[in-house]
Amino acid sequence: MTALTLTLPTVSALITLSGTAKPLITQKMLTLLNALEITEVTEKTIAGEIFLSVQTTSPVVEILASTNFLNLQKFANHSALKVDCVAVDSTEFRSINTRSFGKKRLLLLDVDSTLIQEEVIELLANKAGAGAEVARVTAAAMSGQLEFTAALDARVKLLAGLPETVLAEVRKEITLTAGARELILALQKLGHQVGIVSGGFIDVIEPLAKELHIDFIRANKLEIIDQKLTGRLEGTVIDRAGKAQALRDFANIAGVDIAETVAIGDGANDLDMLNIAGIGIAFNAKPILRSVADISLNSPHLDCALYLMGLSEAEIALI
């Protein structure tokens, strides 16, 4: 099956959505189509090349190949959809249903290259003069070419001897992904909970988690002896399976059914987490993760995920 891809022009970014889910597209994230785009949407839908849903103030209207021209025109006038998709079998799509207002949801975010723009281990490796080597191994691990735990051990060894003070330096170098703060604040405002999980290091990200009032955090711990990094980790490694277990644990603590969870990540070590989540979103992700995600979101703005989480219309109106 060819993946469904929708390119949505929003106020802030061009977004590409694809995957095995059929997300609801809200008017708030769209502007008006021009005449050419209306024609394109109409023609492609009549031809049966696309299968779309649009969330409006009325109940959700599903637009199928059999829908008449007037309904298509009405849809086009309420959206700003540029279409790039072929051969989509609508029966294979899993709908993301809207939910009742106030029903609690848990979002779990990967950290490196998702919540933040950087890879923390690469920033640390730069301090040890091993940045290029670590970046190469990181890329291979995130694309699934290398087993994550072995790759992590190899990279952490290169940090041996660094003074503990580099952790504070690196904390100042990390940058939130555009829209990350807005995403978290909006969900907190709506009464949902947010967790972060990382194959990186709690030594660096914990202060950021506290600043953002994150509900749950789990990450690896660097071993430090005599104020120096030893090149080893303490405790259980947070790998691909560890991230999925974190989602289960946090959902249990929060009293949220696993079906009411949303997981967002970018690399191969997020595979299990996205697979068990109610909705799995691949954010600017490697192909191996996009292949299993419910939705692939390619945008510089993380808060676009708000409109893909199956929130109720009342919640969307409050964002």
C-alpha atoms as a PDB file:
ATOM      1  CA  MET A   1       0.000   0.000   0.000  1.00  0.00           C
ATOM      2  CA  THR A   2       1.280   3.444  -0.889  1.00  0.00           C
ATOM      3  CA  ALA A   3       1.446   5.697   2.169  1.00  0.00           C
ATOM      4  CA  LEU A   4      -1.009   8.516   2.513  1.00  0.00           C
ATOM      5  CA  THR A   5       0.777  11.853   2.421  1.00  0.00           C
ATOM      6  CA  LEU A   6      -0.948  15.166   3.029  1.00  0.00           C
ATOM      7  CA  THR A   7       0.915  18.454   2.781  1.00  0.00           C
ATOM      8  CA  LEU A   8      -0.828  21.011   4.951  1.00  0.00           C
ATOM      9  CA  PRO A   9       0.039  24.705   4.669  1.00  0.00           C
ATOM     10  CA  THR A  10      -0.348  26.128   8.174  1.00  0.00           C
ATOM     11  CA  VAL A  11       0.447  29.510   9.631  1.00  0.00           C
ATOM     12  CA  SER A  12       3.840  28.282  10.791  1.00  0.00           C
ATOM     13  CA  ALA A  13       5.024  25.421   8.610  1.00  0.00           C
ATOM     14  CA  LEU A  14       4.565  22.924   5.844  1.00  0.00           C
ATOM     15  CA  ILE A  15       3.647  19.571   7.383  1.00  0.00           C
ATOM     16  CA  THR A  16       3.804  16.182   5.732  1.00  0.00           C
ATOM     17  CA  LEU A  17       1.576  13.521   7.255  1.00  0.00           C
ATOM     18  CA  SER A  18       1.771   9.869   6.356  1.00  0.00           C
ATOM     19  CA  GLY A  19       1.354   6.479   7.937  1.00  0.00           C
ATOM     20  CA  THR A  20      -1.258   3.873   8.762  1.00  0.00           C
ATOM     21  CA  ALA A  21      -3.627   6.217  10.591  1.00  0.00           C
ATOM     22  CA  LYS A  22      -6.336   8.458   9.240  1.00  0.00           C
ATOM     23  CA  PRO A  23      -5.906  11.667  11.264  1.00  0.00           C
ATOM     24  CA  LEU A  24      -8.647  14.214  11.700  1.00  0.00           C
ATOM     25  CA  ILE A  25      -7.703  17.496  10.096  1.00  0.00           C
ATOM     26  CA  THR A  26      -9.051  20.543  11.903  1.00  0.00           C
ATOM     27  CA  GLN A  27      -9.952  23.837  10.307  1.00  0.00           C
ATOM     28  CA  LYS A  28      -7.758  25.643  12.798  1.00  0.00           C
ATOM     29  CA  MET A  29      -4.581  24.237  11.259  1.00  0.00           C
ATOM     30  CA  LEU A  30      -5.624  25.124   7.724  1.00  0.00           C
ATOM     31  CA  THR A  31      -6.111  28.232   5.614  1.00  0.00           C
ATOM     32  CA  LEU A  32      -8.272  28.609   2.500  1.00  0.00           C
ATOM     33  CA  LEU A  33      -7.580  26.781  -0.726  1.00  0.00           C
ATOM     34  CA  ASN A  34      -7.079  28.756  -3.869  1.00  0.00           C
ATOM     35  CA  ALA A  35      -9.079  27.870  -6.978  1.00  0.00           C
ATOM     36  CA  LEU A  36      -6.368  25.600  -8.401  1.00  0.00           C
ATOM     37  CA  GLU A  37      -6.050  23.657  -5.153  1.00  0.00           C
ATOM     38  CA  ILE A  38      -9.825  23.201  -4.925  1.00  0.00           C
ATOM     39  CA  THR A  39      -9.762  21.673  -8.387  1.00  0.00           C
ATOM     40  CA  GLU A  40      -6.851  19.402  -7.461  1.00  0.00           C
ATOM     41  CA  VAL A  41      -8.539  18.094  -4.323  1.00  0.00           C
ATOM     42  CA  THR A  42     -11.790  17.519  -6.157  1.00  0.00           C
ATOM     43  CA  GLU A  43     -10.210  15.699  -9.076  1.00  0.00           C
ATOM     44  CA  LYS A  44      -8.028  13.434  -6.947  1.00  0.00           C
ATOM     45  CA  THR A  45     -10.871  12.511  -4.622  1.00  0.00           C
ATOM     46  CA  ILE A  46     -13.277  11.749  -7.475  1.00  0.00           C
ATOM     47  CA  ALA A  47     -10.547   9.614  -9.039  1.00  0.00           C
ATOM     48  CA  GLY A  48     -10.334   7.602  -5.825  1.00  0.00           C
ATOM     49  CA  GLU A  49      -6.692   8.505  -5.280  1.00  0.00           C
ATOM     50  CA  ILE A  50      -7.221   9.867  -1.774  1.00  0.00           C
ATOM     51  CA  PHE A  51      -9.230   9.096   1.330  1.00  0.00           C
ATOM     52  CA  LEU A  52      -9.570  11.920   3.800  1.00  0.00           C
ATOM     53  CA  SER A  53     -11.378  13.008   6.926  1.00  0.00           C
ATOM     54  CA  VAL A  54     -11.959  16.589   7.994  1.00  0.00           C
ATOM     55  CA  GLN A  55     -13.069  17.691  11.439  1.00  0.00           C
ATOM     56  CA  THR A  56     -15.506  20.605  11.286  1.00  0.00           C
ATOM     57  CA  THR A  57     -17.949  22.154  13.721  1.00  0.00           C
ATOM     58  CA  SER A  58     -20.418  19.496  12.613  1.00  0.00           C
ATOM     59  CA  PRO A  59     -19.768  15.749  12.994  1.00  0.00           C
ATOM     60  CA  VAL A  60     -16.761  14.391  11.128  1.00  0.00           C
ATOM     61  CA  VAL A  61     -17.406  14.095   7.396  1.00  0.00           C
ATOM     62  CA  GLU A  62     -15.532  11.362   5.558  1.00  0.00           C
ATOM     63  CA  ILE A  63     -14.768  12.147   1.952  1.00  0.00           C
ATOM     64  CA  LEU A  64     -14.698   9.059  -0.265  1.00  0.00           C
ATOM     65  CA  ALA A  65     -14.358   8.511  -3.982  1.00  0.00           C
ATOM     66  CA  SER A  66     -18.153   8.131  -4.235  1.00  0.00           C
ATOM     67  CA  THR A  67     -18.890  11.534  -2.657  1.00  0.00           C
ATOM     68  CA  ASN A  68     -20.564  13.941  -5.057  1.00  0.00           C
ATOM     69  CA  PHE A  69     -18.991  17.082  -6.394  1.00  0.00           C
ATOM     70  CA  LEU A  70     -20.906  19.519  -4.178  1.00  0.00           C
ATOM     71  CA  ASN A  71     -19.720  17.774  -1.010  1.00  0.00           C
ATOM     72  CA  LEU A  72     -16.178  17.841  -2.301  1.00  0.00           C
ATOM     73  CA  GLN A  73     -16.481  21.527  -3.054  1.00  0.00           C
ATOM     74  CA  LYS A  74     -17.782  22.152   0.482  1.00  0.00           C
ATOM     75  CA  PHE A  75     -14.835  20.230   1.899  1.00  0.00           C
ATOM     76  CA  ALA A  76     -12.367  22.151  -0.226  1.00  0.00           C
ATOM     77  CA  ASN A  77     -13.796  25.472   0.907  1.00  0.00           C
ATOM     78  CA  HIS A  78     -13.272  24.490   4.559  1.00  0.00           C
ATOM     79  CA  SER A  79      -9.683  23.359   4.215  1.00  0.00           C
ATOM     80  CA  ALA A  80      -6.324  24.126   2.690  1.00  0.00           C
ATOM     81  CA  LEU A  81      -5.152  20.773   1.516  1.00  0.00           C
ATOM     82  CA  LYS A  82      -2.490  20.091  -1.046  1.00  0.00           C
ATOM     83  CA  VAL A  83      -2.522  16.425  -1.980  1.00  0.00           C
ATOM     84  CA  ASP A  84       0.389  14.158  -2.810  1.00  0.00           C
ATOM     85  CA  CYS A  85      -0.825  10.575  -2.594  1.00  0.00           C
ATOM     86  CA  VAL A  86      -1.850   7.628  -4.733  1.00  0.00           C
ATOM     87  CA  ALA A  87      -3.417   4.176  -4.432  1.00  0.00           C
ATOM     88  CA  VAL A  88      -4.664   4.497  -0.875  1.00  0.00           C
ATOM     89  CA  ASP A  89      -6.919   1.696   0.330  1.00  0.00           C
ATOM     90  CA  SER A  90      -9.193   3.330   2.892  1.00  0.00           C
ATOM     91  CA  THR A  91     -10.047  -0.009   4.536  1.00  0.00           C
ATOM     92  CA  GLU A  92      -6.452  -0.328   5.735  1.00  0.00           C
ATOM     93  CA  PHE A  93      -6.493   2.903   7.725  1.00  0.00           C
ATOM     94  CA  ARG A  94      -6.995   2.981  11.496  1.00  0.00           C
ATOM     95  CA  SER A  95      -9.055   5.994  12.453  1.00  0.00           C
ATOM     96  CA  ILE A  96      -7.977   8.303  15.239  1.00  0.00           C
ATOM     97  CA  ASN A  97     -11.253   8.920  17.002  1.00  0.00           C
ATOM     98  CA  THR A  98     -12.141  12.129  18.782  1.00  0.00           C
ATOM     99  CA  ARG A  99     -12.606  11.728  22.498  1.00  0.00           C
ATOM    100  CA  SER A 100     -14.900  13.100  25.133  1.00  0.00           C
ATOM    101  CA  PHE A 101     -13.833  16.332  26.783  1.00  0.00           C
ATOM    102  CA  GLY A 102     -11.841  15.870  29.986  1.00  0.00           C
ATOM    103  CA  LYS A 103     -10.766  12.271  29.383  1.00  0.00           C
ATOM    104  CA  LYS A 104      -7.135  12.155  30.450  1.00  0.00           C
ATOM    105  CA  ARG A 105      -4.413  11.349  27.961  1.00  0.00           C
ATOM    106  CA  LEU A 106      -0.672  10.734  28.457  1.00  0.00           C
ATOM    107  CA  LEU A 107       1.944  11.962  25.973  1.00  0.00           C
ATOM    108  CA  LEU A 108       5.439  10.438  26.077  1.00  0.00           C
ATOM    109  CA  LEU A 109       8.168  12.288  24.177  1.00  0.00           C
ATOM    110  CA  ASP A 110      11.576  11.120  23.093  1.00  0.00           C
ATOM    111  CA  VAL A 111      14.171  13.784  23.897  1.00  0.00           C
ATOM    112  CA  ASP A 112      17.095  13.956  21.460  1.00  0.00           C
ATOM    113  CA  SER A 113      16.026  15.277  18.039  1.00  0.00           C
ATOM    114  CA  THR A 114      12.406  15.338  19.230  1.00  0.00           C
ATOM    115  CA  LEU A 115      11.872  17.444  22.355  1.00  0.00           C
ATOM    116  CA  ILE A 116      15.226  19.112  21.723  1.00  0.00           C
ATOM    117  CA  GLN A 117      17.024  19.778  18.463  1.00  0.00           C
ATOM    118  CA  GLU A 118      20.351  18.241  19.420  1.00  0.00           C
ATOM    119  CA  GLU A 119      21.759  14.791  20.251  1.00  0.00           C
ATOM    120  CA  VAL A 120      23.167  15.227  23.768  1.00  0.00           C
ATOM    121  CA  ILE A 121      25.765  12.505  23.411  1.00  0.00           C
ATOM    122  CA  GLU A 122      27.192  14.291  20.387  1.00  0.00           C
ATOM    123  CA  LEU A 123      27.480  17.534  22.342  1.00  0.00           C
ATOM    124  CA  LEU A 124      29.341  15.668  25.069  1.00  0.00           C
ATOM    125  CA  ALA A 125      31.532  13.908  22.524  1.00  0.00           C
ATOM    126  CA  ASN A 126      32.526  17.263  21.062  1.00  0.00           C
ATOM    127  CA  LYS A 127      34.044  18.078  24.446  1.00  0.00           C
ATOM    128  CA  ALA A 128      36.132  14.901  24.190  1.00  0.00           C
ATOM    129  CA  GLY A 129      37.191  15.546  20.594  1.00  0.00           C
ATOM    130  CA  ALA A 130      35.179  12.571  19.391  1.00  0.00           C
ATOM    131  CA  GLY A 131      32.187  14.381  17.916  1.00  0.00           C
ATOM    132  CA  ALA A 132      32.487  13.088  14.345  1.00  0.00           C
ATOM    133  CA  GLU A 133      32.920   9.457  15.390  1.00  0.00           C
ATOM    134  CA  VAL A 134      30.015   9.556  17.815  1.00  0.00           C
ATOM    135  CA  ALA A 135      27.767  11.306  15.270  1.00  0.00           C
ATOM    136  CA  ARG A 136      28.453   8.502  12.794  1.00  0.00           C
ATOM    137  CA  VAL A 137      27.561   5.795  15.317  1.00  0.00           C
ATOM    138  CA  THR A 138      24.469   7.721  16.447  1.00  0.00           C
ATOM    139  CA  ALA A 139      23.188   7.957  12.877  1.00  0.00           C
ATOM    140  CA  ALA A 140      23.675   4.219  12.351  1.00  0.00           C
ATOM    141  CA  ALA A 141      21.934   3.355  15.638  1.00  0.00           C
ATOM    142  CA  MET A 142      18.960   5.644  15.004  1.00  0.00           C
ATOM    143  CA  SER A 143      18.446   4.209  11.521  1.00  0.00           C
ATOM    144  CA  GLY A 144      18.478   0.658  12.913  1.00  0.00           C
ATOM    145  CA  GLN A 145      21.814  -0.382  11.413  1.00  0.00           C
ATOM    146  CA  LEU A 146      23.399  -0.921  14.838  1.00  0.00           C
ATOM    147  CA  GLU A 147      21.977  -2.427  18.030  1.00  0.00           C
ATOM    148  CA  PHE A 148      21.270   0.503  20.333  1.00  0.00           C
ATOM    149  CA  THR A 149      22.775  -0.730  23.611  1.00  0.00           C
ATOM    150  CA  ALA A 150      26.073  -1.769  22.035  1.00  0.00           C
ATOM    151  CA  ALA A 151      26.241   1.522  20.142  1.00  0.00           C
ATOM    152  CA  LEU A 152      25.503   3.478  23.313  1.00  0.00           C
ATOM    153  CA  ASP A 153      28.198   1.667  25.295  1.00  0.00           C
ATOM    154  CA  ALA A 154      30.743   2.357  22.555  1.00  0.00           C
ATOM    155  CA  ARG A 155      29.886   6.046  22.487  1.00  0.00           C
ATOM    156  CA  VAL A 156      29.817   6.495  26.264  1.00  0.00           C
ATOM    157  CA  LYS A 157      33.299   4.955  26.542  1.00  0.00           C
ATOM    158  CA  LEU A 158      34.613   7.829  24.456  1.00  0.00           C
ATOM    159  CA  LEU A 159      33.477  10.253  27.171  1.00  0.00           C
ATOM    160  CA  ALA A 160      35.758   8.732  29.817  1.00  0.00           C
ATOM    161  CA  GLY A 161      37.839  11.321  31.624  1.00  0.00           C
ATOM    162  CA  LEU A 162      35.661  14.317  30.863  1.00  0.00           C
ATOM    163  CA  PRO A 163      35.204  16.572  33.900  1.00  0.00           C
ATOM    164  CA  GLU A 164      31.731  16.629  35.436  1.00  0.00           C
ATOM    165  CA  THR A 165      31.569  20.356  34.639  1.00  0.00           C
ATOM    166  CA  VAL A 166      30.910  19.554  30.946  1.00  0.00           C
ATOM    167  CA  LEU A 167      27.374  18.537  31.905  1.00  0.00           C
ATOM    168  CA  ALA A 168      26.516  22.103  32.877  1.00  0.00           C
ATOM    169  CA  GLU A 169      28.118  23.368  29.680  1.00  0.00           C
ATOM    170  CA  VAL A 170      26.049  21.022  27.531  1.00  0.00           C
ATOM    171  CA  ARG A 171      22.823  21.950  29.352  1.00  0.00           C
ATOM    172  CA  LYS A 172      23.345  25.481  28.047  1.00  0.00           C
ATOM    173  CA  GLU A 173      23.794  24.212  24.491  1.00  0.00           C
ATOM    174  CA  ILE A 174      20.536  22.285  24.126  1.00  0.00           C
ATOM    175  CA  THR A 175      17.652  23.959  22.327  1.00  0.00           C
ATOM    176  CA  LEU A 176      13.974  23.099  22.530  1.00  0.00           C
ATOM    177  CA  THR A 177      12.407  22.080  19.242  1.00  0.00           C
ATOM    178  CA  ALA A 178      10.123  24.783  17.870  1.00  0.00           C
ATOM    179  CA  GLY A 179       6.644  24.289  19.297  1.00  0.00           C
ATOM    180  CA  ALA A 180       7.759  21.885  22.042  1.00  0.00           C
ATOM    181  CA  ARG A 181       7.004  24.275  24.884  1.00  0.00           C
ATOM    182  CA  GLU A 182       3.658  25.192  23.315  1.00  0.00           C
ATOM    183  CA  LEU A 183       2.717  21.519  22.916  1.00  0.00           C
ATOM    184  CA  ILE A 184       3.465  20.745  26.550  1.00  0.00           C
ATOM    185  CA  LEU A 185       1.757  23.861  27.916  1.00  0.00           C
ATOM    186  CA  ALA A 186      -1.368  23.218  25.848  1.00  0.00           C
ATOM    187  CA  LEU A 187      -1.683  19.624  27.071  1.00  0.00           C
ATOM    188  CA  GLN A 188      -1.092  20.655  30.668  1.00  0.00           C
ATOM    189  CA  LYS A 189      -3.753  23.339  30.302  1.00  0.00           C
ATOM    190  CA  LEU A 190      -6.178  20.657  29.117  1.00  0.00           C
ATOM    191  CA  GLY A 191      -5.398  18.412  32.082  1.00  0.00           C
ATOM    192  CA  HIS A 192      -3.313  15.824  30.242  1.00  0.00           C
ATOM    193  CA  GLN A 193       0.050  14.549  31.464  1.00  0.00           C
ATOM    194  CA  VAL A 194       3.424  14.599  29.726  1.00  0.00           C
ATOM    195  CA  GLY A 195       6.457  12.368  30.167  1.00  0.00           C
ATOM    196  CA  ILE A 196       9.885  12.237  28.551  1.00  0.00           C
ATOM    197  CA  VAL A 197      12.038   9.184  27.985  1.00  0.00           C
ATOM    198  CA  SER A 198      15.541   9.156  26.594  1.00  0.00           C
ATOM    199  CA  GLY A 199      18.389   6.912  25.629  1.00  0.00           C
ATOM    200  CA  GLY A 200      20.428   9.983  26.552  1.00  0.00           C
ATOM    201  CA  PHE A 201      21.291  11.203  29.987  1.00  0.00           C
ATOM    202  CA  ILE A 202      19.222  12.374  32.917  1.00  0.00           C
ATOM    203  CA  ASP A 203      22.309  14.279  34.108  1.00  0.00           C
ATOM    204  CA  VAL A 204      21.702  16.777  31.288  1.00  0.00           C
ATOM    205  CA  ILE A 205      17.942  16.799  30.738  1.00  0.00           C
ATOM    206  CA  GLU A 206      16.558  16.725  34.279  1.00  0.00           C
ATOM    207  CA  PRO A 207      16.757  20.515  34.807  1.00  0.00           C
ATOM    208  CA  LEU A 208      14.885  21.055  31.537  1.00  0.00           C
ATOM    209  CA  ALA A 209      12.213  18.577  32.612  1.00  0.00           C
ATOM    210  CA  LYS A 210      11.740  20.468  35.866  1.00  0.00           C
ATOM    211  CA  GLU A 211      11.496  23.788  34.030  1.00  0.00           C
ATOM    212  CA  LEU A 212       8.762  22.374  31.765  1.00  0.00           C
ATOM    213  CA  HIS A 213       6.945  20.759  34.730  1.00  0.00           C
ATOM    214  CA  ILE A 214       7.188  17.342  33.078  1.00  0.00           C
ATOM    215  CA  ASP A 215       5.215  14.701  34.996  1.00  0.00           C
ATOM    216  CA  PHE A 216       7.456  11.702  34.264  1.00  0.00           C
ATOM    217  CA  ILE A 217      11.083  11.293  33.249  1.00  0.00           C
ATOM    218  CA  ARG A 218      13.280   8.295  32.560  1.00  0.00           C
ATOM    219  CA  ALA A 219      16.754   8.326  31.019  1.00  0.00           C
ATOM    220  CA  ASN A 220      20.225   6.837  31.377  1.00  0.00           C
ATOM    221  CA  LYS A 221      22.579   7.898  34.175  1.00  0.00           C
ATOM    222  CA  LEU A 222      26.240   8.594  33.537  1.00  0.00           C
ATOM    223  CA  GLU A 223      28.641   7.172  36.088  1.00  0.00           C
ATOM    224  CA  ILE A 224      30.760   9.895  37.709  1.00  0.00           C
ATOM    225  CA  ILE A 225      33.655   9.199  40.068  1.00  0.00           C
ATOM    226  CA  ASP A 226      35.927  11.897  41.498  1.00  0.00           C
ATOM    227  CA  GLN A 227      34.112  14.541  39.432  1.00  0.00           C
ATOM    228  CA  LYS A 228      34.930  12.772  36.152  1.00  0.00           C
ATOM    229  CA  LEU A 229      32.890  10.701  33.707  1.00  0.00           C
ATOM    230  CA  THR A 230      34.044   7.090  33.786  1.00  0.00           C
ATOM    231  CA  GLY A 231      32.784   6.103  30.344  1.00  0.00           C
ATOM    232  CA  ARG A 232      30.149   3.848  31.897  1.00  0.00           C
ATOM    233  CA  LEU A 233      26.471   4.037  32.835  1.00  0.00           C
ATOM    234  CA  GLU A 234      24.753   3.370  36.128  1.00  0.00           C
ATOM    235  CA  GLY A 235      21.757   1.059  36.396  1.00  0.00           C
ATOM    236  CA  THR A 236      19.557  -0.405  33.695  1.00  0.00           C
ATOM    237  CA  VAL A 237      20.071   0.965  30.187  1.00  0.00           C
ATOM    238  CA  ILE A 238      17.074   2.757  28.676  1.00  0.00           C
ATOM    239  CA  ASP A 239      16.994   1.204  25.235  1.00  0.00           C
ATOM    240  CA  ARG A 240      14.217   0.378  22.785  1.00  0.00           C
ATOM    241  CA  ALA A 241      12.498  -2.026  25.197  1.00  0.00           C
ATOM    242  CA  GLY A 242      13.134   0.322  28.092  1.00  0.00           C
ATOM    243  CA  LYS A 243      11.276   3.141  26.400  1.00  0.00           C
ATOM    244  CA  ALA A 244       8.235   0.948  25.854  1.00  0.00           C
ATOM    245  CA  GLN A 245       8.351  -0.144  29.487  1.00  0.00           C
ATOM    246  CA  ALA A 246       8.536   3.490  30.562  1.00  0.00           C
ATOM    247  CA  LEU A 247       5.324   4.171  28.640  1.00  0.00           C
ATOM    248  CA  ARG A 248       3.591   1.255  30.374  1.00  0.00           C
ATOM    249  CA  ASP A 249       4.857   2.344  33.789  1.00  0.00           C
ATOM    250  CA  PHE A 250       3.922   6.000  33.382  1.00  0.00           C
ATOM    251  CA  ALA A 251       0.462   5.098  32.064  1.00  0.00           C
ATOM    252  CA  ASN A 252      -0.095   2.846  35.061  1.00  0.00           C
ATOM    253  CA  ILE A 253       0.989   5.550  37.514  1.00  0.00           C
ATOM    254  CA  ALA A 254      -1.156   8.156  35.752  1.00  0.00           C
ATOM    255  CA  GLY A 255      -4.169   5.845  35.650  1.00  0.00           C
ATOM    256  CA  VAL A 256      -4.330   6.100  31.857  1.00  0.00           C
ATOM    257  CA  ASP A 257      -5.151   3.132  29.655  1.00  0.00           C
ATOM    258  CA  ILE A 258      -2.401   2.352  27.132  1.00  0.00           C
ATOM    259  CA  ALA A 259      -4.931   3.057  24.362  1.00  0.00           C
ATOM    260  CA  GLU A 260      -5.106   6.646  25.633  1.00  0.00           C
ATOM    261  CA  THR A 261      -1.360   7.223  25.256  1.00  0.00           C
ATOM    262  CA  VAL A 262       0.503   9.059  22.521  1.00  0.00           C
ATOM    263  CA  ALA A 263       4.214   8.499  21.833  1.00  0.00           C
ATOM    264  CA  ILE A 264       6.417  10.724  19.691  1.00  0.00           C
ATOM    265  CA  GLY A 265       9.946   9.835  18.588  1.00  0.00           C
ATOM    266  CA  ASP A 266      12.385   9.920  15.700  1.00  0.00           C
ATOM    267  CA  GLY A 267      14.651   6.856  15.707  1.00  0.00           C
ATOM    268  CA  ALA A 268      14.859   3.079  15.737  1.00  0.00           C
ATOM    269  CA  ASN A 269      14.994   2.926  19.543  1.00  0.00           C
ATOM    270  CA  ASP A 270      11.483   4.440  19.595  1.00  0.00           C
ATOM    271  CA  LEU A 271       9.972   1.541  17.622  1.00  0.00           C
ATOM    272  CA  ASP A 272       8.552  -0.419  20.562  1.00  0.00           C
ATOM    273  CA  MET A 273       7.246   2.702  22.262  1.00  0.00           C
ATOM    274  CA  LEU A 274       5.323   3.824  19.181  1.00  0.00           C
ATOM    275  CA  ASN A 275       4.039   0.307  18.550  1.00  0.00           C
ATOM    276  CA  ILE A 276       2.321  -0.039  21.926  1.00  0.00           C
ATOM    277  CA  ALA A 277       1.038   3.545  22.199  1.00  0.00           C
ATOM    278  CA  GLY A 278      -2.541   4.341  21.326  1.00  0.00           C
ATOM    279  CA  ILE A 279      -1.173   6.737  18.711  1.00  0.00           C
ATOM    280  CA  GLY A 280       2.447   6.579  17.545  1.00  0.00           C
ATOM    281  CA  ILE A 281       3.813   9.683  15.834  1.00  0.00           C
ATOM    282  CA  ALA A 282       7.153   9.668  13.996  1.00  0.00           C
ATOM    283  CA  PHE A 283       8.580  13.199  14.101  1.00  0.00           C
ATOM    284  CA  ASN A 284      11.072  14.065  11.327  1.00  0.00           C
ATOM    285  CA  ALA A 285      11.975  10.424  11.713  1.00  0.00           C
ATOM    286  CA  LYS A 286      14.201   7.807  10.154  1.00  0.00           C
ATOM    287  CA  PRO A 287      12.514   5.555   7.542  1.00  0.00           C
ATOM    288  CA  ILE A 288      12.517   2.546   9.884  1.00  0.00           C
ATOM    289  CA  LEU A 289      10.289   4.419  12.350  1.00  0.00           C
ATOM    290  CA  ARG A 290       8.057   6.006   9.718  1.00  0.00           C
ATOM    291  CA  SER A 291       7.284   2.514   8.435  1.00  0.00           C
ATOM    292  CA  VAL A 292       5.537   1.517  11.674  1.00  0.00           C
ATOM    293  CA  ALA A 293       4.158   4.843  12.916  1.00  0.00           C
ATOM    294  CA  ASP A 294       0.457   5.641  12.830  1.00  0.00           C
ATOM    295  CA  ILE A 295       1.383   9.114  11.620  1.00  0.00           C
ATOM    296  CA  SER A 296       4.600  10.586  10.255  1.00  0.00           C
ATOM    297  CA  LEU A 297       4.897  14.298  10.907  1.00  0.00           C
ATOM    298  CA  ASN A 298       7.589  16.118   8.963  1.00  0.00           C
ATOM    299  CA  SER A 299       7.660  19.667  10.216  1.00  0.00           C
ATOM    300  CA  PRO A 300       9.996  21.879  12.231  1.00  0.00           C
ATOM    301  CA  HIS A 301       7.110  22.553  14.630  1.00  0.00           C
ATOM    302  CA  LEU A 302       6.365  19.924  17.264  1.00  0.00           C
ATOM    303  CA  ASP A 303       3.120  21.550  18.397  1.00  0.00           C
ATOM    304  CA  CYS A 304       1.523  20.472  15.104  1.00  0.00           C
ATOM    305  CA  ALA A 305       1.131  17.108  16.863  1.00  0.00           C
ATOM    306  CA  LEU A 306      -1.669  18.656  18.946  1.00  0.00           C
ATOM    307  CA  TYR A 307      -4.006  18.319  15.988  1.00  0.00           C
ATOM    308  CA  LEU A 308      -3.132  14.658  15.413  1.00  0.00           C
ATOM    309  CA  MET A 309      -3.764  13.294  18.905  1.00  0.00           C
ATOM    310  CA  GLY A 310      -7.489  12.667  18.668  1.00  0.00           C
ATOM    311  CA  LEU A 311      -8.394  15.450  21.077  1.00  0.00           C
ATOM    312  CA  SER A 312     -12.058  16.338  21.393  1.00  0.00           C
ATOM    313  CA  GLU A 313     -13.471  19.305  19.507  1.00  0.00           C
ATOM    314  CA  ALA A 314     -13.955  21.132  22.808  1.00  0.00           C
ATOM    315  CA  GLU A 315     -10.284  20.627  23.669  1.00  0.00           C
ATOM    316  CA  ILE A 316      -9.131  21.775  20.235  1.00  0.00           C
ATOM    317  CA  ALA A 317     -11.209  24.930  20.678  1.00  0.00           C
ATOM    318  CA  LEU A 318      -9.303  25.746  23.886  1.00  0.00           C
ATOM    319  CA  ILE A 319      -5.837  25.451  22.334  1.00  0.00           C
END
